Amino acid sequence: MNKEKLRIVVIGCGRFSKFFVPLFKAHPVVEKVYVCDLKKDREQEYMQKFGVEGYESFEKALEDKSINAVAIFTQRFKHGQMVIDALKAGKNVYSAVPCAVSIDEIKEIARLVKETRLTYSMGETGVYRAPAMFCRREYKKGTFGKFVYGEAHYNHDIRNMEDSFKSSGGDNWKKFAGVPPFFYPTHSTAMILSSMPGVYATKVSAMGFEGSSRTDIFGEDKNNYKNPFSNETMLLKLSNGGIARISENRCVGWHAPETYISQFYGEDGAYEFSVANHHLSTWNPENPKMNVLKRVTDELQPKSVSDLIKSDYDKAIQEIADGMGFYETSPIQPTERLPKEYEGIWNGHNGTHHFLIDDFCRAYATGKLSPTNIWAVARYNIPGLIAHESALKGGVLMDVPDLGNPPDDWEVLDYDKN
């Protein structure tokens, strides 16, 4: 148990971390929040907006013994090394996704966390999205039986990402925007894999789409990664014998819901989702050749969304496409486990932000591992890095390295309980 409260520096005052500064400030485990950015005008804006102090630099924060944690919201290719530097300096770390863009960095983070026993938590929203929580609950109950096949997607068109890349990349933003989709696979992989804790990918074959009309961004000579693919799809062999198809698309005619499990099949039961409605199918005990199909939408959509679906479906699906429900929680999400101080604070990514920061803070306070600890998120992250290699080689089947489970003597917090 850590009796000392967190004194944390939020690194990066861009378009995303603004959702999290108030959550750090409000959490009862946190004593002090600072903000820091290379662009001091943005840092100043955060200071005024959130009533916090600024901090000189990331490097100075690592040297400051009064600071015991950092939250990293910088460009994605910087996360790995910054996490490593922070852990070496004795700081607890909350990191935005992805964990890192190289397997060596992920392995080093795992080594350091194991050695130091510091708290590391990655902010993967997928584990708290309603489809993942539902599939995790029903899988644990045995509803699905033996897992067979699942699909998950992250459809995020580049048109909806330009402002973020411009904010961090400046005039050269297109060089950063061409990042391989599978360098950022966790919004897809996490939903399938977190639904079956302990299961991981063993093999992968992947393909990439090279025909994007955005030739200003995607192409071997167009970006910092020599990446020709705007969209990538992989087929994973899982450790429990099941198969998963994962798609990460950056040039696609789809806005929302952008992240979802579309299919999750077991031998005894199945889950499907499409745009608005969620269904659970199980074999009929009275007629074993037929299914019982149950609509479970009311549990997996925010009440405002599920009510509109019932009254005006056509309007509902357009509202969903426009982002309805993005800031709300669904009945299946265990909001009762959150600190009372979070009531009324802005949420996001389908009600997941509150859980992510609470996980980090609870893990620190209890000395337990966050559900999104390094061993868990390595299993979400590494398959994508190998899959990109496979796609570059035309889909060759490749082994996926696994870092194993957390140390046996280190308890992991439950996703769904206090």
Protein backbone atom coordinates (compact mmCIF):
# COMPACT_ATOMS: atom_id res chain seq x y z
CA MET A 1 0.00 0.00 0.00
CA ASN A 2 1.24 3.48 -0.90
CA LYS A 3 0.24 6.06 1.71
CA GLU A 4 2.03 8.86 -0.11
CA LYS A 5 -0.25 10.60 -2.60
CA LEU A 6 0.55 11.13 -6.26
CA ARG A 7 2.26 14.30 -7.43
CA ILE A 8 2.05 14.01 -11.19
CA VAL A 9 3.23 15.97 -14.22
CA VAL A 10 1.06 15.64 -17.32
CA ILE A 11 3.45 15.72 -20.28
CA GLY A 12 1.86 17.10 -23.44
CA CYS A 13 -0.88 19.74 -23.58
CA GLY A 14 -2.39 18.81 -26.92
CA ARG A 15 -5.87 17.91 -28.07
CA PHE A 16 -6.23 14.76 -25.95
CA SER A 17 -4.79 15.25 -22.48
CA LYS A 18 -7.35 17.98 -21.74
CA PHE A 19 -9.85 15.22 -20.97
CA PHE A 20 -7.61 13.75 -18.28
CA VAL A 21 -6.17 16.66 -16.32
CA PRO A 22 -9.49 17.18 -14.45
CA LEU A 23 -9.66 13.46 -13.66
CA PHE A 24 -6.18 13.44 -12.16
CA LYS A 25 -7.02 16.58 -10.18
CA ALA A 26 -10.24 15.12 -8.77
CA HIS A 27 -8.96 11.70 -7.79
CA PRO A 28 -8.58 11.27 -4.01
CA VAL A 29 -5.20 9.53 -4.46
CA VAL A 30 -3.72 12.60 -6.21
CA GLU A 31 -2.25 15.50 -4.24
CA LYS A 32 -0.86 17.73 -7.01
CA VAL A 33 -1.09 17.98 -10.81
CA TYR A 34 1.28 19.93 -13.05
CA VAL A 35 1.21 20.32 -16.83
CA CYS A 36 4.15 20.55 -19.22
CA ASP A 37 4.55 21.15 -22.95
CA LEU A 38 7.38 22.15 -25.27
CA LYS A 39 5.02 24.81 -26.60
CA LYS A 40 4.69 27.04 -23.56
CA ASP A 41 1.67 28.88 -24.95
CA ARG A 42 -0.29 25.63 -24.90
CA GLU A 43 0.97 24.90 -21.40
CA GLN A 44 -0.21 28.34 -20.30
CA GLU A 45 -3.67 27.68 -21.75
CA TYR A 46 -3.93 24.49 -19.71
CA MET A 47 -2.76 26.25 -16.57
CA GLN A 48 -5.48 28.85 -16.90
CA LYS A 49 -8.21 26.45 -17.97
CA PHE A 50 -7.63 23.81 -15.29
CA GLY A 51 -6.16 25.85 -12.45
CA VAL A 52 -2.86 23.97 -12.31
CA GLU A 53 0.80 24.93 -12.31
CA GLY A 54 3.15 24.50 -15.24
CA TYR A 55 6.37 22.52 -15.18
CA GLU A 56 9.66 23.37 -16.88
CA SER A 57 10.35 20.16 -18.79
CA PHE A 58 10.00 16.39 -18.83
CA GLU A 59 13.68 16.05 -18.01
CA LYS A 60 13.39 18.31 -14.97
CA ALA A 61 10.37 16.35 -13.76
CA LEU A 62 12.44 13.17 -13.82
CA GLU A 63 15.12 14.85 -11.70
CA ASP A 64 12.63 16.27 -9.18
CA LYS A 65 12.34 13.95 -6.15
CA SER A 66 9.06 15.58 -5.12
CA ILE A 67 7.44 14.31 -8.37
CA ASN A 68 6.50 10.63 -8.14
CA ALA A 69 4.57 10.18 -11.39
CA VAL A 70 4.27 11.35 -14.98
CA ALA A 71 1.43 10.99 -17.47
CA ILE A 72 2.64 10.84 -21.05
CA PHE A 73 0.44 12.31 -23.79
CA THR A 74 3.04 13.02 -26.45
CA GLN A 75 3.35 11.82 -30.05
CA ARG A 76 2.86 8.07 -30.18
CA PHE A 77 6.36 7.23 -31.45
CA LYS A 78 7.82 8.92 -28.35
CA HIS A 79 5.90 6.95 -25.72
CA GLY A 80 8.21 3.96 -25.39
CA GLN A 81 11.46 5.80 -24.71
CA MET A 82 9.80 8.36 -22.44
CA VAL A 83 8.25 5.59 -20.36
CA ILE A 84 11.65 3.88 -20.10
CA ASP A 85 13.32 7.13 -19.02
CA ALA A 86 10.63 7.77 -16.42
CA LEU A 87 10.82 4.29 -14.93
CA LYS A 88 14.61 4.53 -14.72
CA ALA A 89 14.14 7.79 -12.84
CA GLY A 90 11.85 6.07 -10.32
CA LYS A 91 8.57 7.55 -11.52
CA ASN A 92 5.21 5.83 -11.78
CA VAL A 93 3.83 6.14 -15.30
CA TYR A 94 0.48 6.57 -16.97
CA SER A 95 0.86 6.38 -20.76
CA ALA A 96 -1.51 7.14 -23.59
CA VAL A 97 -1.73 4.52 -26.32
CA PRO A 98 0.17 2.88 -27.84
CA CYS A 99 2.65 1.43 -25.37
CA ALA A 100 5.54 1.75 -27.84
CA VAL A 101 6.30 1.30 -31.52
CA SER A 102 9.09 -1.26 -31.09
CA ILE A 103 9.16 -4.66 -29.44
CA ASP A 104 12.52 -3.90 -27.82
CA GLU A 105 11.01 -0.89 -26.05
CA ILE A 106 8.07 -2.97 -24.81
CA LYS A 107 10.42 -5.65 -23.47
CA GLU A 108 12.49 -3.01 -21.69
CA ILE A 109 9.41 -1.46 -20.09
CA ALA A 110 8.38 -4.89 -18.81
CA ARG A 111 11.88 -5.51 -17.43
CA LEU A 112 11.91 -2.18 -15.62
CA VAL A 113 8.42 -2.55 -14.16
CA LYS A 114 9.28 -6.01 -12.86
CA GLU A 115 12.56 -4.75 -11.40
CA THR A 116 11.25 -1.53 -9.82
CA ARG A 117 7.66 -2.57 -8.97
CA LEU A 118 6.57 0.89 -10.04
CA THR A 119 3.05 1.43 -11.35
CA TYR A 120 2.65 1.44 -15.12
CA SER A 121 -0.75 1.75 -16.75
CA MET A 122 -1.60 2.30 -20.42
CA GLY A 123 -4.81 4.14 -21.23
CA GLU A 124 -6.46 1.56 -23.48
CA THR A 125 -10.12 2.48 -23.82
CA GLY A 126 -11.06 -0.79 -25.52
CA VAL A 127 -11.09 -2.84 -22.33
CA TYR A 128 -13.90 -0.69 -20.89
CA ARG A 129 -16.04 -0.29 -23.99
CA ALA A 130 -19.38 -1.99 -23.55
CA PRO A 131 -18.87 -4.83 -26.10
CA ALA A 132 -15.62 -5.92 -24.42
CA MET A 133 -17.19 -5.79 -20.96
CA PHE A 134 -20.19 -7.79 -22.14
CA CYS A 135 -18.12 -10.44 -23.91
CA ARG A 136 -15.76 -10.67 -20.92
CA ARG A 137 -18.66 -11.22 -18.53
CA GLU A 138 -20.40 -13.79 -20.70
CA TYR A 139 -17.16 -15.61 -21.54
CA LYS A 140 -16.36 -15.91 -17.84
CA LYS A 141 -19.86 -17.28 -17.20
CA GLY A 142 -19.35 -19.92 -19.89
CA THR A 143 -22.08 -18.57 -22.17
CA PHE A 144 -19.91 -18.84 -25.28
CA GLY A 145 -18.31 -22.16 -24.45
CA LYS A 146 -15.10 -22.75 -26.39
CA PHE A 147 -14.08 -19.61 -28.28
CA VAL A 148 -13.95 -20.03 -32.06
CA TYR A 149 -13.72 -16.70 -33.86
CA GLY A 150 -13.96 -12.95 -33.29
CA GLU A 151 -13.66 -9.69 -35.21
CA ALA A 152 -12.78 -6.20 -34.04
CA HIS A 153 -12.20 -2.96 -35.92
CA TYR A 154 -10.86 0.54 -35.51
CA ASN A 155 -12.12 2.69 -38.36
CA HIS A 156 -10.59 6.14 -38.02
CA ASP A 157 -10.37 7.98 -41.32
CA ILE A 158 -7.45 10.32 -41.78
CA ARG A 159 -9.88 13.20 -42.36
CA ASN A 160 -10.87 12.93 -38.72
CA MET A 161 -7.25 12.80 -37.56
CA GLU A 162 -5.71 15.69 -39.48
CA ASP A 163 -6.16 18.27 -36.73
CA SER A 164 -4.39 16.04 -34.20
CA PHE A 165 -1.44 15.46 -36.49
CA LYS A 166 -1.27 19.16 -37.39
CA SER A 167 -1.26 20.04 -33.70
CA SER A 168 1.75 17.84 -32.95
CA GLY A 169 3.52 17.69 -36.32
CA GLY A 170 3.22 21.27 -37.55
CA ASP A 171 4.04 21.88 -41.20
CA ASN A 172 5.43 18.35 -41.51
CA TRP A 173 2.30 16.70 -40.12
CA LYS A 174 1.82 14.43 -43.13
CA LYS A 175 5.16 12.77 -42.44
CA PHE A 176 3.76 11.68 -39.06
CA ALA A 177 0.23 10.95 -40.28
CA GLY A 178 1.50 8.10 -42.43
CA VAL A 179 2.23 5.96 -39.38
CA PRO A 180 1.40 2.28 -40.06
CA PRO A 181 -2.10 1.54 -38.75
CA PHE A 182 -0.76 -1.53 -36.98
CA PHE A 183 1.66 0.57 -34.93
CA TYR A 184 -1.55 1.56 -33.12
CA PRO A 185 -3.57 -1.70 -32.98
CA THR A 186 -4.71 -1.72 -29.39
CA HIS A 187 -8.23 -0.28 -29.80
CA SER A 188 -9.01 -3.43 -31.81
CA THR A 189 -6.88 -6.16 -30.28
CA ALA A 190 -7.67 -5.11 -26.69
CA MET A 191 -11.39 -5.69 -27.07
CA ILE A 192 -11.02 -9.29 -28.23
CA LEU A 193 -8.13 -10.22 -25.93
CA SER A 194 -9.41 -8.48 -22.79
CA SER A 195 -12.64 -10.42 -23.23
CA MET A 196 -10.61 -13.59 -22.57
CA PRO A 197 -8.02 -12.67 -19.92
CA GLY A 198 -4.82 -14.68 -20.29
CA VAL A 199 -5.34 -15.43 -23.96
CA TYR A 200 -2.76 -14.09 -26.41
CA ALA A 201 -1.78 -14.22 -30.08
CA THR A 202 0.69 -16.87 -31.21
CA LYS A 203 0.78 -16.38 -34.99
CA VAL A 204 -0.24 -13.67 -37.45
CA SER A 205 -0.68 -13.12 -41.15
CA ALA A 206 -1.55 -9.65 -42.42
CA MET A 207 -2.29 -7.68 -45.56
CA GLY A 208 -2.13 -3.95 -46.22
CA PHE A 209 -4.07 -1.73 -48.63
CA GLU A 210 -1.68 0.28 -50.83
CA GLY A 211 -4.20 1.92 -53.14
CA SER A 212 -5.22 4.92 -51.05
CA SER A 213 -5.93 8.13 -52.93
CA ARG A 214 -4.07 9.96 -50.13
CA THR A 215 -0.76 9.65 -51.92
CA ASP A 216 0.39 12.75 -50.05
CA ILE A 217 0.47 10.68 -46.85
CA PHE A 218 0.76 6.98 -47.65
CA GLY A 219 3.66 5.67 -49.71
CA GLU A 220 7.18 4.44 -49.10
CA ASP A 221 8.64 7.88 -49.74
CA LYS A 222 5.82 9.93 -48.21
CA ASN A 223 6.17 9.45 -44.46
CA ASN A 224 8.70 8.88 -41.69
CA TYR A 225 7.94 5.16 -41.56
CA LYS A 226 8.28 4.21 -45.26
CA ASN A 227 4.73 2.96 -44.87
CA PRO A 228 2.67 2.28 -48.01
CA PHE A 229 -0.50 1.13 -46.19
CA SER A 230 -3.49 3.26 -45.26
CA ASN A 231 -5.43 0.21 -44.02
CA GLU A 232 -4.20 -3.07 -42.54
CA THR A 233 -5.96 -6.32 -41.65
CA MET A 234 -4.55 -9.28 -39.75
CA LEU A 235 -5.62 -12.81 -38.96
CA LEU A 236 -4.46 -14.02 -35.55
CA LYS A 237 -4.11 -17.52 -34.17
CA LEU A 238 -4.79 -17.36 -30.44
CA SER A 239 -3.36 -19.38 -27.59
CA ASN A 240 -6.77 -20.97 -26.89
CA GLY A 241 -7.04 -22.22 -30.47
CA GLY A 242 -9.41 -19.50 -31.64
CA ILE A 243 -9.03 -17.14 -34.59
CA ALA A 244 -9.40 -13.34 -34.59
CA ARG A 245 -9.56 -10.90 -37.47
CA ILE A 246 -8.42 -7.37 -36.66
CA SER A 247 -8.73 -4.34 -38.96
CA GLU A 248 -7.17 -0.89 -38.58
CA ASN A 249 -8.41 1.48 -41.28
CA ARG A 250 -7.30 5.07 -41.92
CA CYS A 251 -8.91 5.69 -45.30
CA VAL A 252 -12.44 4.36 -45.05
CA GLY A 253 -15.98 5.66 -45.47
CA TRP A 254 -16.97 5.20 -41.85
CA HIS A 255 -17.03 7.55 -38.89
CA ALA A 256 -18.77 6.03 -35.87
CA PRO A 257 -18.95 3.76 -34.02
CA GLU A 258 -15.29 3.67 -34.89
CA THR A 259 -14.15 0.98 -32.44
CA TYR A 260 -16.17 -2.15 -31.89
CA ILE A 261 -16.38 -5.93 -31.72
CA SER A 262 -18.59 -6.98 -34.59
CA GLN A 263 -18.52 -10.72 -33.94
CA PHE A 264 -17.52 -12.92 -31.03
CA TYR A 265 -18.33 -16.60 -31.55
CA GLY A 266 -18.04 -19.62 -29.31
CA GLU A 267 -19.34 -23.11 -29.87
CA ASP A 268 -22.23 -22.54 -27.47
CA GLY A 269 -23.02 -18.86 -27.88
CA ALA A 270 -22.29 -15.79 -29.97
CA TYR A 271 -22.38 -11.98 -29.81
CA GLU A 272 -22.91 -9.66 -32.76
CA PHE A 273 -23.08 -5.88 -33.11
CA SER A 274 -23.89 -3.66 -36.06
CA VAL A 275 -24.10 0.15 -35.86
CA ALA A 276 -26.69 0.33 -33.07
CA ASN A 277 -28.04 -3.02 -31.94
CA HIS A 278 -26.29 -5.72 -29.92
CA HIS A 279 -27.44 -9.35 -29.87
CA LEU A 280 -26.58 -12.51 -27.97
CA SER A 281 -27.30 -15.90 -29.50
CA THR A 282 -27.38 -19.20 -27.60
CA TRP A 283 -28.61 -22.69 -28.43
CA ASN A 284 -32.23 -23.33 -27.46
CA PRO A 285 -32.30 -26.00 -24.71
CA GLU A 286 -35.79 -27.04 -25.81
CA ASN A 287 -34.79 -27.35 -29.47
CA PRO A 288 -31.02 -27.91 -29.69
CA LYS A 289 -30.97 -27.32 -33.45
CA MET A 290 -32.28 -23.75 -33.07
CA ASN A 291 -31.01 -20.56 -31.44
CA VAL A 292 -32.43 -18.16 -28.93
CA LEU A 293 -31.58 -14.66 -30.13
CA LYS A 294 -31.67 -11.99 -27.43
CA ARG A 295 -31.39 -8.24 -27.98
CA VAL A 296 -29.00 -6.86 -25.32
CA THR A 297 -28.77 -3.30 -26.67
CA ASP A 298 -30.27 -1.66 -23.60
CA GLU A 299 -27.38 -2.90 -21.48
CA LEU A 300 -24.64 -1.95 -23.96
CA GLN A 301 -25.82 1.48 -25.14
CA PRO A 302 -26.25 4.62 -23.04
CA LYS A 303 -29.91 5.13 -22.11
CA SER A 304 -30.22 8.19 -24.35
CA VAL A 305 -29.09 6.08 -27.32
CA SER A 306 -31.15 2.97 -26.57
CA ASP A 307 -34.29 5.07 -26.05
CA LEU A 308 -33.82 6.79 -29.41
CA ILE A 309 -33.20 3.46 -31.15
CA LYS A 310 -36.62 2.29 -29.98
CA SER A 311 -38.46 5.45 -30.98
CA ASP A 312 -36.75 6.41 -34.24
CA TYR A 313 -34.14 3.98 -35.52
CA ASP A 314 -33.23 5.97 -38.63
CA LYS A 315 -32.58 9.08 -36.55
CA ALA A 316 -30.69 7.04 -33.97
CA ILE A 317 -28.16 5.57 -36.37
CA GLN A 318 -27.42 9.03 -37.79
CA GLU A 319 -27.02 10.42 -34.28
CA ILE A 320 -24.67 7.55 -33.44
CA ALA A 321 -22.67 8.29 -36.59
CA ASP A 322 -22.45 11.91 -35.42
CA GLY A 323 -21.08 10.81 -32.05
CA MET A 324 -24.12 10.34 -29.83
CA GLY A 325 -23.20 8.38 -26.70
CA PHE A 326 -19.47 9.07 -27.00
CA TYR A 327 -19.34 10.89 -23.67
CA GLU A 328 -21.83 8.70 -21.82
CA THR A 329 -21.55 5.44 -19.93
CA SER A 330 -23.65 2.36 -20.59
CA PRO A 331 -25.48 0.33 -17.93
CA ILE A 332 -22.96 -2.52 -18.17
CA GLN A 333 -20.07 -0.28 -17.16
CA PRO A 334 -19.47 -0.51 -13.36
CA THR A 335 -19.67 3.19 -12.53
CA GLU A 336 -20.35 2.31 -8.88
CA ARG A 337 -16.66 1.45 -8.46
CA LEU A 338 -15.55 4.98 -9.42
CA PRO A 339 -14.72 7.66 -6.84
CA LYS A 340 -17.63 9.95 -6.01
CA GLU A 341 -15.43 12.90 -6.99
CA TYR A 342 -15.83 11.87 -10.64
CA GLU A 343 -19.55 12.52 -10.71
CA GLY A 344 -20.33 15.16 -13.33
CA ILE A 345 -16.78 15.34 -14.75
CA TRP A 346 -16.46 15.18 -18.53
CA ASN A 347 -15.96 11.68 -19.85
CA GLY A 348 -15.07 10.31 -23.30
CA HIS A 349 -14.53 7.33 -25.59
CA ASN A 350 -17.89 5.83 -24.65
CA GLY A 351 -17.49 6.47 -20.97
CA THR A 352 -14.06 4.89 -20.53
CA HIS A 353 -11.86 7.80 -19.40
CA HIS A 354 -12.94 7.66 -15.76
CA PHE A 355 -12.05 3.98 -15.49
CA LEU A 356 -8.60 4.42 -17.00
CA ILE A 357 -7.42 7.10 -14.59
CA ASP A 358 -9.02 5.36 -11.64
CA ASP A 359 -7.18 2.16 -12.61
CA PHE A 360 -3.83 3.94 -12.55
CA CYS A 361 -4.54 5.64 -9.24
CA ARG A 362 -5.95 2.49 -7.59
CA ALA A 363 -2.99 0.45 -8.78
CA TYR A 364 -0.59 2.96 -7.27
CA ALA A 365 -2.49 3.21 -3.98
CA THR A 366 -2.89 -0.55 -3.50
CA GLY A 367 0.45 -1.67 -4.91
CA LYS A 368 -1.43 -3.99 -7.26
CA LEU A 369 -1.13 -4.07 -11.04
CA SER A 370 -3.45 -2.06 -13.23
CA PRO A 371 -5.65 -4.18 -15.54
CA THR A 372 -3.81 -2.44 -18.38
CA ASN A 373 -0.39 -3.37 -17.01
CA ILE A 374 2.62 -3.86 -19.27
CA TRP A 375 2.15 -7.62 -19.63
CA ALA A 376 -1.46 -7.18 -20.70
CA VAL A 377 -0.85 -4.32 -23.10
CA ALA A 378 2.17 -6.04 -24.64
CA ARG A 379 -0.32 -8.65 -25.83
CA TYR A 380 -2.44 -5.91 -27.39
CA ASN A 381 0.49 -4.04 -28.95
CA ILE A 382 3.03 -6.60 -30.19
CA PRO A 383 0.72 -8.49 -32.61
CA GLY A 384 0.29 -5.27 -34.61
CA LEU A 385 4.03 -4.65 -34.88
CA ILE A 386 4.59 -8.18 -36.17
CA ALA A 387 1.54 -7.90 -38.43
CA HIS A 388 2.97 -4.84 -40.15
CA GLU A 389 6.11 -6.84 -40.93
CA SER A 390 3.90 -9.61 -42.31
CA ALA A 391 1.99 -7.16 -44.51
CA LEU A 392 5.23 -5.74 -45.91
CA LYS A 393 6.19 -9.33 -46.80
CA GLY A 394 2.91 -10.01 -48.57
CA GLY A 395 1.11 -11.80 -45.76
CA VAL A 396 3.71 -14.32 -44.65
CA LEU A 397 2.71 -16.23 -41.48
CA MET A 398 4.84 -15.08 -38.54
CA ASP A 399 5.24 -16.00 -34.88
CA VAL A 400 4.09 -13.45 -32.31
CA PRO A 401 6.42 -13.19 -29.28
CA ASP A 402 4.70 -13.15 -25.89
CA LEU A 403 6.12 -11.63 -22.71
CA GLY A 404 4.11 -13.96 -20.52
CA ASN A 405 1.96 -13.23 -17.50
CA PRO A 406 2.74 -10.78 -14.69
CA PRO A 407 4.86 -12.02 -11.78
CA ASP A 408 2.95 -14.58 -9.70
CA ASP A 409 3.28 -12.50 -6.55
CA TRP A 410 1.78 -9.36 -8.07
CA GLU A 411 -2.01 -9.23 -7.95
CA VAL A 412 -3.90 -7.58 -10.80
CA LEU A 413 -6.86 -5.32 -10.05
CA ASP A 414 -10.20 -6.59 -11.30
CA TYR A 415 -11.51 -4.75 -14.37
CA ASP A 416 -15.03 -4.68 -13.10
CA LYS A 417 -14.92 -4.35 -9.31
CA ASN A 418 -13.70 -2.00 -6.61
